[in-house]
Every structure is written in structure tokens, then in C-alpha cells.
Amino acid sequence: MNYTNIFDTHAHYASAKFDQDRDLLLQKLLPETGIRYIMLAGIEIPDCITSVQLAQKYDYLYCSAGLHPSYLDSRPDDWQEQIRNLAQFPKCKAIGEIGLDYHNGKENADLQKEILIKQIQLAKELDLPCIFHFRDATGDAVEILEYYQPEGILHCFNSSAETAKQLLKIPDLYFSFSGVITYKNAKKPVEALQAIPVDRLLIETDSPYLAPEPFRHKRCDSSMILYTAEKAAQVKNIPVQDFITICCENACRIFHI
């Protein structure tokens, strides 16, 4: 089945994993699979600069600028000013990906929260949404989101339906689902997907990571989003193309495209 109007709201084409075939994918293969837009999520300053360059080269690419919680040790002293400058690029449509990641421990949890809050405040100042990465940090994440009430996207949402219902009270938060929902053990994110209204849903690949079934453990690219879309549409009991179009409209709304 050929689908159109697909918005992959989270990908990393600046990654070295695409060095061998990046231009082939972006010039030809992805547009031919119905991809309309892709958001390149930034994780650290050099990566954000490369994403800006890619967005300048390809009309259908947009980008964000931000510091991922796993890359804080390499941040330059003037990281805030650099992100602010990158965000002036017209196709930079978000601050991100930013957040909290306690998967390998909470030793620097206070630093992660401090830098997350500074980036939320910067996004509010610049009138940009945030792209959020939260891993094994639900309690602190919910507390910060409820306090600051940001506009943004919860990338690769894997929390419970109960957490989703709590966060739905923040009016400008959207929930993005990845290839994880196609995995056999993905009970929790599927239940969350069921609980979220379609006007708050997005889909993504997180390329080159999180390839859906039947490509799990292989390098992911945006063409594989079709499998995520088909699974999500099945869960929501909506025709696949209708679901894809709704998600594209939602993404254009939150990214002001």
C-alpha cells in the first residue's frame, strides 16, 4: 500500500550511521515512499549544526536545536548562546531533544533537571515547542511538565496510560509513538496510545534507532514509519491513510509549519 502525507517527527540523519548513503536516502528513496516532512532532532551542538546544514539542503527537512540529557558532559560553556543562535535559522522549529535520562543512574539528576529547565525557558522565550526525551524518569518529568506547562512533543512515548491521561491536561503537549509499538512486549505504550485522542498523536522513527518489526535490531530509516503507522491506525481503529494525515496535521500545528 502506498501512503502519502507522512511526517516523521523525530529522526537523526546527522548520525554517522547514515554516512554511507545519507544523500541517496534523502534525495530519492524517502520522498518516493510518501514522506512529506522529517524533523531532525538535535542532541548536541555539532549534531545540531549538521542538522541545520541538512535542512538547508533539503526542502522537506526541518530541524531542532538542544542538548540531550546523555550529552551534557560535552557541552561548551556557551551552549545556551549557541542553541539560541541555531534557533534563529528559519527551519529550526523546536528546542530539543531535551529531557531527563536516568537509565544509567541518577548521579547527575540535578544537573539534568537544571539544564532541562533552562531549555524549556529558552523555548518559551523564543516561542518554540520542545522535543522531550524522558527515560526512566517519569516522576521528575511529570513534576517539571506540570509546573512549566510547555508546548511540546513527548518523543517515543513509552509511559503508562495513566501517565498519558495525567499529561493530557497540559494543553499543548503531543505524544509521539515509534516502532516500539510494533514489538510483541509493547503492552504499556499500546495502552497509552489507546488512551490518547487522535488530535494529540504523532508518529516517528527515531532513525537510525528503534526500527519496527520486521526490521527490529537493524538500522532504521524513515520509510519504516509505515509499519508504525499501520499498527497505530489498527489500535485506533482508523483507516491508515486517515491516521497518517491526522498525524501530519498535528505535527504541522505543533511545529508551526
C-alpha atoms as a PDB file:
ATOM      1  CA  MET A   1       0.000   0.000   0.000  1.00  0.00           C
ATOM      2  CA  ASN A   2       1.297   3.440  -0.922  1.00  0.00           C
ATOM      3  CA  TYR A   3       0.662   6.208   1.594  1.00  0.00           C
ATOM      4  CA  THR A   4       1.238   9.946   1.342  1.00  0.00           C
ATOM      5  CA  ASN A   5       1.494  12.943   3.652  1.00  0.00           C
ATOM      6  CA  ILE A   6       3.795  11.215   6.149  1.00  0.00           C
ATOM      7  CA  PHE A   7       5.546  13.359   8.775  1.00  0.00           C
ATOM      8  CA  ASP A   8       8.378  11.579  10.584  1.00  0.00           C
ATOM      9  CA  THR A   9       8.552  13.815  13.638  1.00  0.00           C
ATOM     10  CA  HIS A  10      11.855  12.508  15.023  1.00  0.00           C
ATOM     11  CA  ALA A  11      14.942  11.322  13.142  1.00  0.00           C
ATOM     12  CA  HIS A  12      18.732  11.656  13.333  1.00  0.00           C
ATOM     13  CA  TYR A  13      20.128  11.886   9.801  1.00  0.00           C
ATOM     14  CA  ALA A  14      23.195  13.693  11.128  1.00  0.00           C
ATOM     15  CA  SER A  15      24.187  10.344  12.669  1.00  0.00           C
ATOM     16  CA  ALA A  16      27.331   8.656  11.374  1.00  0.00           C
ATOM     17  CA  LYS A  17      25.176   5.582  10.754  1.00  0.00           C
ATOM     18  CA  PHE A  18      23.952   7.343   7.586  1.00  0.00           C
ATOM     19  CA  ASP A  19      27.373   8.426   6.296  1.00  0.00           C
ATOM     20  CA  GLN A  20      27.410   5.814   3.513  1.00  0.00           C
ATOM     21  CA  ASP A  21      24.002   6.538   1.955  1.00  0.00           C
ATOM     22  CA  ARG A  22      22.571   9.723   3.526  1.00  0.00           C
ATOM     23  CA  ASP A  23      22.171  11.663   0.287  1.00  0.00           C
ATOM     24  CA  LEU A  24      20.739   8.667  -1.585  1.00  0.00           C
ATOM     25  CA  LEU A  25      18.079   8.292   1.094  1.00  0.00           C
ATOM     26  CA  LEU A  26      17.257  11.969   1.414  1.00  0.00           C
ATOM     27  CA  GLN A  27      17.361  12.866  -2.283  1.00  0.00           C
ATOM     28  CA  LYS A  28      15.400   9.978  -3.717  1.00  0.00           C
ATOM     29  CA  LEU A  29      14.360   6.989  -1.639  1.00  0.00           C
ATOM     30  CA  LEU A  30      12.468   8.653   1.189  1.00  0.00           C
ATOM     31  CA  PRO A  31      10.400  11.095  -0.906  1.00  0.00           C
ATOM     32  CA  GLU A  32       9.380   8.137  -3.079  1.00  0.00           C
ATOM     33  CA  THR A  33       7.887   6.355  -0.050  1.00  0.00           C
ATOM     34  CA  GLY A  34       5.401   9.121   0.736  1.00  0.00           C
ATOM     35  CA  ILE A  35       7.490  11.082   3.217  1.00  0.00           C
ATOM     36  CA  ARG A  36       6.332  14.705   3.201  1.00  0.00           C
ATOM     37  CA  TYR A  37       8.332  16.119   6.132  1.00  0.00           C
ATOM     38  CA  ILE A  38      11.018  14.964   8.561  1.00  0.00           C
ATOM     39  CA  MET A  39      12.051  16.658  11.808  1.00  0.00           C
ATOM     40  CA  LEU A  40      15.754  16.262  12.619  1.00  0.00           C
ATOM     41  CA  ALA A  41      16.127  16.126  16.392  1.00  0.00           C
ATOM     42  CA  GLY A  42      19.282  17.683  17.810  1.00  0.00           C
ATOM     43  CA  ILE A  43      21.272  16.059  20.616  1.00  0.00           C
ATOM     44  CA  GLU A  44      24.433  18.194  20.964  1.00  0.00           C
ATOM     45  CA  ILE A  45      25.875  21.291  19.307  1.00  0.00           C
ATOM     46  CA  PRO A  46      27.878  19.675  16.439  1.00  0.00           C
ATOM     47  CA  ASP A  47      24.932  17.419  15.613  1.00  0.00           C
ATOM     48  CA  CYS A  48      22.568  20.407  15.592  1.00  0.00           C
ATOM     49  CA  ILE A  49      24.870  22.287  13.202  1.00  0.00           C
ATOM     50  CA  THR A  50      24.878  19.329  10.800  1.00  0.00           C
ATOM     51  CA  SER A  51      21.084  19.122  11.017  1.00  0.00           C
ATOM     52  CA  VAL A  52      20.802  22.808  10.099  1.00  0.00           C
ATOM     53  CA  GLN A  53      23.009  22.147   7.069  1.00  0.00           C
ATOM     54  CA  LEU A  54      20.810  19.216   6.012  1.00  0.00           C
ATOM     55  CA  ALA A  55      17.653  21.297   6.426  1.00  0.00           C
ATOM     56  CA  GLN A  56      19.211  23.957   4.220  1.00  0.00           C
ATOM     57  CA  LYS A  57      19.923  21.344   1.559  1.00  0.00           C
ATOM     58  CA  TYR A  58      16.573  19.518   1.516  1.00  0.00           C
ATOM     59  CA  ASP A  59      13.268  21.372   1.360  1.00  0.00           C
ATOM     60  CA  TYR A  60      11.268  18.770   3.291  1.00  0.00           C
ATOM     61  CA  LEU A  61      13.631  18.599   6.268  1.00  0.00           C
ATOM     62  CA  TYR A  62      13.227  20.702   9.416  1.00  0.00           C
ATOM     63  CA  CYS A  63      15.443  20.701  12.494  1.00  0.00           C
ATOM     64  CA  SER A  64      15.631  21.430  16.197  1.00  0.00           C
ATOM     65  CA  ALA A  65      18.406  22.607  18.489  1.00  0.00           C
ATOM     66  CA  GLY A  66      19.037  21.379  22.002  1.00  0.00           C
ATOM     67  CA  LEU A  67      21.109  19.349  24.443  1.00  0.00           C
ATOM     68  CA  HIS A  68      20.091  15.737  25.068  1.00  0.00           C
ATOM     69  CA  PRO A  69      20.496  14.692  28.726  1.00  0.00           C
ATOM     70  CA  SER A  70      23.028  11.991  27.792  1.00  0.00           C
ATOM     71  CA  TYR A  71      25.387  14.537  26.170  1.00  0.00           C
ATOM     72  CA  LEU A  72      25.735  17.129  28.903  1.00  0.00           C
ATOM     73  CA  ASP A  73      29.383  16.396  29.709  1.00  0.00           C
ATOM     74  CA  SER A  74      30.499  17.569  26.265  1.00  0.00           C
ATOM     75  CA  ARG A  75      28.556  20.837  26.321  1.00  0.00           C
ATOM     76  CA  PRO A  76      30.567  24.027  25.689  1.00  0.00           C
ATOM     77  CA  ASP A  77      30.478  26.860  28.189  1.00  0.00           C
ATOM     78  CA  ASP A  78      28.396  28.985  25.821  1.00  0.00           C
ATOM     79  CA  TRP A  79      25.914  26.197  24.982  1.00  0.00           C
ATOM     80  CA  GLN A  80      22.867  28.367  25.664  1.00  0.00           C
ATOM     81  CA  GLU A  81      24.039  31.081  23.304  1.00  0.00           C
ATOM     82  CA  GLN A  82      24.853  28.527  20.623  1.00  0.00           C
ATOM     83  CA  ILE A  83      21.393  26.974  20.868  1.00  0.00           C
ATOM     84  CA  ARG A  84      19.826  30.412  20.761  1.00  0.00           C
ATOM     85  CA  ASN A  85      21.793  31.220  17.597  1.00  0.00           C
ATOM     86  CA  LEU A  86      20.896  27.916  15.931  1.00  0.00           C
ATOM     87  CA  ALA A  87      17.238  28.529  16.738  1.00  0.00           C
ATOM     88  CA  GLN A  88      17.300  31.687  14.621  1.00  0.00           C
ATOM     89  CA  PHE A  89      17.503  29.536  11.477  1.00  0.00           C
ATOM     90  CA  PRO A  90      14.028  29.750   9.882  1.00  0.00           C
ATOM     91  CA  LYS A  91      13.679  25.971   9.556  1.00  0.00           C
ATOM     92  CA  CYS A  92      14.627  25.342  13.195  1.00  0.00           C
ATOM     93  CA  LYS A  93      11.183  24.652  14.602  1.00  0.00           C
ATOM     94  CA  ALA A  94      11.843  23.347  18.131  1.00  0.00           C
ATOM     95  CA  ILE A  95      14.192  23.181  21.095  1.00  0.00           C
ATOM     96  CA  GLY A  96      15.223  19.584  21.519  1.00  0.00           C
ATOM     97  CA  GLU A  97      15.721  16.907  22.106  1.00  0.00           C
ATOM     98  CA  ILE A  98      15.874  17.787  25.785  1.00  0.00           C
ATOM     99  CA  GLY A  99      14.842  15.953  28.901  1.00  0.00           C
ATOM    100  CA  LEU A 100      15.859  13.512  31.605  1.00  0.00           C
ATOM    101  CA  ASP A 101      17.504  10.109  31.234  1.00  0.00           C
ATOM    102  CA  TYR A 102      18.096   8.080  34.399  1.00  0.00           C
ATOM    103  CA  HIS A 103      18.558   4.758  32.603  1.00  0.00           C
ATOM    104  CA  ASN A 104      22.200   4.501  33.677  1.00  0.00           C
ATOM    105  CA  GLY A 105      21.703   6.104  37.074  1.00  0.00           C
ATOM    106  CA  LYS A 106      20.747   9.383  38.713  1.00  0.00           C
ATOM    107  CA  GLU A 107      24.205  10.671  39.669  1.00  0.00           C
ATOM    108  CA  ASN A 108      23.734  13.879  37.669  1.00  0.00           C
ATOM    109  CA  ALA A 109      19.958  14.154  38.054  1.00  0.00           C
ATOM    110  CA  ASP A 110      20.171  17.680  39.481  1.00  0.00           C
ATOM    111  CA  LEU A 111      22.276  18.857  36.525  1.00  0.00           C
ATOM    112  CA  GLN A 112      19.885  17.203  34.070  1.00  0.00           C
ATOM    113  CA  LYS A 113      16.911  18.967  35.645  1.00  0.00           C
ATOM    114  CA  GLU A 114      18.726  22.322  35.708  1.00  0.00           C
ATOM    115  CA  ILE A 115      19.638  22.160  32.010  1.00  0.00           C
ATOM    116  CA  LEU A 116      16.198  20.873  31.037  1.00  0.00           C
ATOM    117  CA  ILE A 117      14.511  23.787  32.796  1.00  0.00           C
ATOM    118  CA  LYS A 118      16.864  26.320  31.191  1.00  0.00           C
ATOM    119  CA  GLN A 119      15.994  24.910  27.764  1.00  0.00           C
ATOM    120  CA  ILE A 120      12.247  24.961  28.480  1.00  0.00           C
ATOM    121  CA  GLN A 121      12.593  28.602  29.484  1.00  0.00           C
ATOM    122  CA  LEU A 122      14.551  29.342  26.298  1.00  0.00           C
ATOM    123  CA  ALA A 123      11.857  27.657  24.203  1.00  0.00           C
ATOM    124  CA  LYS A 124       9.181  29.785  25.862  1.00  0.00           C
ATOM    125  CA  GLU A 125      11.243  32.913  25.248  1.00  0.00           C
ATOM    126  CA  LEU A 126      11.641  32.019  21.561  1.00  0.00           C
ATOM    127  CA  ASP A 127       8.042  30.815  21.186  1.00  0.00           C
ATOM    128  CA  LEU A 128       9.161  27.357  20.086  1.00  0.00           C
ATOM    129  CA  PRO A 129       7.905  23.933  21.167  1.00  0.00           C
ATOM    130  CA  CYS A 130      10.175  21.443  22.921  1.00  0.00           C
ATOM    131  CA  ILE A 131      11.016  17.903  21.845  1.00  0.00           C
ATOM    132  CA  PHE A 132      11.225  15.898  25.073  1.00  0.00           C
ATOM    133  CA  HIS A 133      13.237  12.762  25.815  1.00  0.00           C
ATOM    134  CA  PHE A 134      12.317  11.098  29.106  1.00  0.00           C
ATOM    135  CA  ARG A 135      13.689   7.691  30.076  1.00  0.00           C
ATOM    136  CA  ASP A 136      13.237   6.052  33.465  1.00  0.00           C
ATOM    137  CA  ALA A 137      12.426   9.493  34.887  1.00  0.00           C
ATOM    138  CA  THR A 138       8.628   9.673  34.906  1.00  0.00           C
ATOM    139  CA  GLY A 139       8.208  11.212  38.355  1.00  0.00           C
ATOM    140  CA  ASP A 140      10.585  14.133  37.830  1.00  0.00           C
ATOM    141  CA  ALA A 141       9.394  14.580  34.238  1.00  0.00           C
ATOM    142  CA  VAL A 142       5.737  14.891  35.202  1.00  0.00           C
ATOM    143  CA  GLU A 143       6.581  17.310  38.000  1.00  0.00           C
ATOM    144  CA  ILE A 144       8.548  19.619  35.670  1.00  0.00           C
ATOM    145  CA  LEU A 145       5.996  19.422  32.851  1.00  0.00           C
ATOM    146  CA  GLU A 146       3.092  20.201  35.150  1.00  0.00           C
ATOM    147  CA  TYR A 147       4.901  23.170  36.653  1.00  0.00           C
ATOM    148  CA  TYR A 148       6.159  24.755  33.391  1.00  0.00           C
ATOM    149  CA  GLN A 149       3.215  23.773  31.124  1.00  0.00           C
ATOM    150  CA  PRO A 150       5.378  23.749  27.977  1.00  0.00           C
ATOM    151  CA  GLU A 151       4.339  23.391  24.373  1.00  0.00           C
ATOM    152  CA  GLY A 152       5.988  20.304  23.009  1.00  0.00           C
ATOM    153  CA  ILE A 153       6.256  16.680  21.942  1.00  0.00           C
ATOM    154  CA  LEU A 154       6.844  13.669  24.166  1.00  0.00           C
ATOM    155  CA  HIS A 155       9.156  11.749  21.843  1.00  0.00           C
ATOM    156  CA  CYS A 156       8.886   7.945  21.766  1.00  0.00           C
ATOM    157  CA  PHE A 157       6.197   7.917  24.438  1.00  0.00           C
ATOM    158  CA  ASN A 158       6.539   4.681  26.425  1.00  0.00           C
ATOM    159  CA  SER A 159       4.891   5.564  29.734  1.00  0.00           C
ATOM    160  CA  SER A 160       1.606   4.211  31.039  1.00  0.00           C
ATOM    161  CA  ALA A 161      -1.923   5.135  30.034  1.00  0.00           C
ATOM    162  CA  GLU A 162      -2.341   6.662  33.493  1.00  0.00           C
ATOM    163  CA  THR A 163       0.660   8.952  32.929  1.00  0.00           C
ATOM    164  CA  ALA A 164      -0.677   9.860  29.489  1.00  0.00           C
ATOM    165  CA  LYS A 165      -4.052  10.843  30.959  1.00  0.00           C
ATOM    166  CA  GLN A 166      -2.288  12.998  33.546  1.00  0.00           C
ATOM    167  CA  LEU A 167      -0.171  14.757  30.907  1.00  0.00           C
ATOM    168  CA  LEU A 168      -3.113  15.276  28.563  1.00  0.00           C
ATOM    169  CA  LYS A 169      -4.179  18.016  30.980  1.00  0.00           C
ATOM    170  CA  ILE A 170      -1.272  20.095  29.633  1.00  0.00           C
ATOM    171  CA  PRO A 171      -2.999  21.541  26.567  1.00  0.00           C
ATOM    172  CA  ASP A 172      -0.045  21.906  24.190  1.00  0.00           C
ATOM    173  CA  LEU A 173       1.652  18.537  24.723  1.00  0.00           C
ATOM    174  CA  TYR A 174       1.618  15.957  21.941  1.00  0.00           C
ATOM    175  CA  PHE A 175       2.501  12.265  22.203  1.00  0.00           C
ATOM    176  CA  SER A 176       4.739  10.671  19.561  1.00  0.00           C
ATOM    177  CA  PHE A 177       4.933   6.922  19.033  1.00  0.00           C
ATOM    178  CA  SER A 178       7.762   4.970  17.410  1.00  0.00           C
ATOM    179  CA  GLY A 179       8.386   1.475  16.096  1.00  0.00           C
ATOM    180  CA  VAL A 180       8.333   0.251  19.707  1.00  0.00           C
ATOM    181  CA  ILE A 181       4.543  -0.170  19.456  1.00  0.00           C
ATOM    182  CA  THR A 182       5.087  -2.972  16.904  1.00  0.00           C
ATOM    183  CA  TYR A 183       7.098  -5.077  19.373  1.00  0.00           C
ATOM    184  CA  LYS A 184       5.437  -8.102  20.968  1.00  0.00           C
ATOM    185  CA  ASN A 185       6.182  -6.877  24.507  1.00  0.00           C
ATOM    186  CA  ALA A 186       4.888  -3.329  23.906  1.00  0.00           C
ATOM    187  CA  LYS A 187       1.801  -3.574  26.105  1.00  0.00           C
ATOM    188  CA  LYS A 188       2.283  -0.309  28.022  1.00  0.00           C
ATOM    189  CA  PRO A 189       2.800   2.087  25.069  1.00  0.00           C
ATOM    190  CA  VAL A 190      -0.075   0.470  23.158  1.00  0.00           C
ATOM    191  CA  GLU A 191      -2.366   1.020  26.139  1.00  0.00           C
ATOM    192  CA  ALA A 192      -1.208   4.648  26.284  1.00  0.00           C
ATOM    193  CA  LEU A 193      -1.862   5.009  22.551  1.00  0.00           C
ATOM    194  CA  GLN A 194      -5.406   3.756  23.092  1.00  0.00           C
ATOM    195  CA  ALA A 195      -5.977   6.414  25.777  1.00  0.00           C
ATOM    196  CA  ILE A 196      -4.776   9.447  23.786  1.00  0.00           C
ATOM    197  CA  PRO A 197      -7.124  11.349  21.436  1.00  0.00           C
ATOM    198  CA  VAL A 198      -6.052  11.349  17.789  1.00  0.00           C
ATOM    199  CA  ASP A 199      -5.652  15.138  17.743  1.00  0.00           C
ATOM    200  CA  ARG A 200      -2.717  14.796  20.169  1.00  0.00           C
ATOM    201  CA  LEU A 201      -0.882  11.963  18.362  1.00  0.00           C
ATOM    202  CA  LEU A 202       2.291  11.947  16.254  1.00  0.00           C
ATOM    203  CA  ILE A 203       4.399   9.182  14.710  1.00  0.00           C
ATOM    204  CA  GLU A 204       8.171   8.939  14.361  1.00  0.00           C
ATOM    205  CA  THR A 205      11.036   6.572  13.625  1.00  0.00           C
ATOM    206  CA  ASP A 206      13.889   7.847  15.820  1.00  0.00           C
ATOM    207  CA  SER A 207      16.067   6.762  12.865  1.00  0.00           C
ATOM    208  CA  PRO A 208      18.590   5.142  12.962  1.00  0.00           C
ATOM    209  CA  TYR A 209      17.210   3.590  16.172  1.00  0.00           C
ATOM    210  CA  LEU A 210      14.076   1.645  17.161  1.00  0.00           C
ATOM    211  CA  ALA A 211      13.320   0.003  13.826  1.00  0.00           C
ATOM    212  CA  PRO A 212       9.841  -1.532  13.866  1.00  0.00           C
ATOM    213  CA  GLU A 213       9.058  -5.162  13.274  1.00  0.00           C
ATOM    214  CA  PRO A 214      10.032  -6.863  10.988  1.00  0.00           C
ATOM    215  CA  PHE A 215      13.270  -4.800  10.961  1.00  0.00           C
ATOM    216  CA  ARG A 216      13.971  -4.782  14.690  1.00  0.00           C
ATOM    217  CA  HIS A 217      17.706  -4.534  15.547  1.00  0.00           C
ATOM    218  CA  LYS A 218      18.508  -3.207  12.058  1.00  0.00           C
ATOM    219  CA  ARG A 219      19.247   0.408  11.136  1.00  0.00           C
ATOM    220  CA  CYS A 220      16.002   2.314  10.897  1.00  0.00           C
ATOM    221  CA  ASP A 221      15.131   4.907   8.273  1.00  0.00           C
ATOM    222  CA  SER A 222      12.006   6.972   7.728  1.00  0.00           C
ATOM    223  CA  SER A 223      10.477   4.605   5.164  1.00  0.00           C
ATOM    224  CA  MET A 224       9.900   2.130   8.005  1.00  0.00           C
ATOM    225  CA  ILE A 225       7.425   4.508   9.648  1.00  0.00           C
ATOM    226  CA  LEU A 226       4.734   2.808   7.550  1.00  0.00           C
ATOM    227  CA  TYR A 227       4.777  -0.176   9.916  1.00  0.00           C
ATOM    228  CA  THR A 228       4.348   2.083  12.932  1.00  0.00           C
ATOM    229  CA  ALA A 229       1.511   3.947  11.207  1.00  0.00           C
ATOM    230  CA  GLU A 230      -0.289   0.725  10.310  1.00  0.00           C
ATOM    231  CA  LYS A 231      -0.038  -0.591  13.873  1.00  0.00           C
ATOM    232  CA  ALA A 232      -1.179   2.706  15.406  1.00  0.00           C
ATOM    233  CA  ALA A 233      -4.091   3.029  12.980  1.00  0.00           C
ATOM    234  CA  GLN A 234      -5.158  -0.503  13.861  1.00  0.00           C
ATOM    235  CA  VAL A 235      -5.060   0.327  17.583  1.00  0.00           C
ATOM    236  CA  LYS A 236      -7.116   3.497  16.999  1.00  0.00           C
ATOM    237  CA  ASN A 237      -9.449   1.723  14.527  1.00  0.00           C
ATOM    238  CA  ILE A 238      -8.897   4.381  11.844  1.00  0.00           C
ATOM    239  CA  PRO A 239      -8.004   3.870   8.157  1.00  0.00           C
ATOM    240  CA  VAL A 240      -4.225   4.075   7.825  1.00  0.00           C
ATOM    241  CA  GLN A 241      -4.120   6.998   5.396  1.00  0.00           C
ATOM    242  CA  ASP A 242      -6.596   8.960   7.519  1.00  0.00           C
ATOM    243  CA  PHE A 243      -4.437   8.353  10.596  1.00  0.00           C
ATOM    244  CA  ILE A 244      -1.246   9.413   8.770  1.00  0.00           C
ATOM    245  CA  THR A 245      -2.907  12.615   7.545  1.00  0.00           C
ATOM    246  CA  ILE A 246      -4.196  13.478  11.026  1.00  0.00           C
ATOM    247  CA  CYS A 247      -0.700  12.969  12.470  1.00  0.00           C
ATOM    248  CA  CYS A 248       0.810  15.173   9.749  1.00  0.00           C
ATOM    249  CA  GLU A 249      -1.704  17.933  10.515  1.00  0.00           C
ATOM    250  CA  ASN A 250      -0.945  17.607  14.235  1.00  0.00           C
ATOM    251  CA  ALA A 251       2.816  17.851  13.593  1.00  0.00           C
ATOM    252  CA  CYS A 252       2.426  20.894  11.354  1.00  0.00           C
ATOM    253  CA  ARG A 253       0.375  22.533  14.095  1.00  0.00           C
ATOM    254  CA  ILE A 254       2.823  21.907  16.933  1.00  0.00           C
ATOM    255  CA  PHE A 255       5.880  22.811  14.789  1.00  0.00           C
ATOM    256  CA  HIS A 256       4.164  25.860  13.243  1.00  0.00           C
ATOM    257  CA  ILE A 257       4.789  24.654   9.689  1.00  0.00           C
END
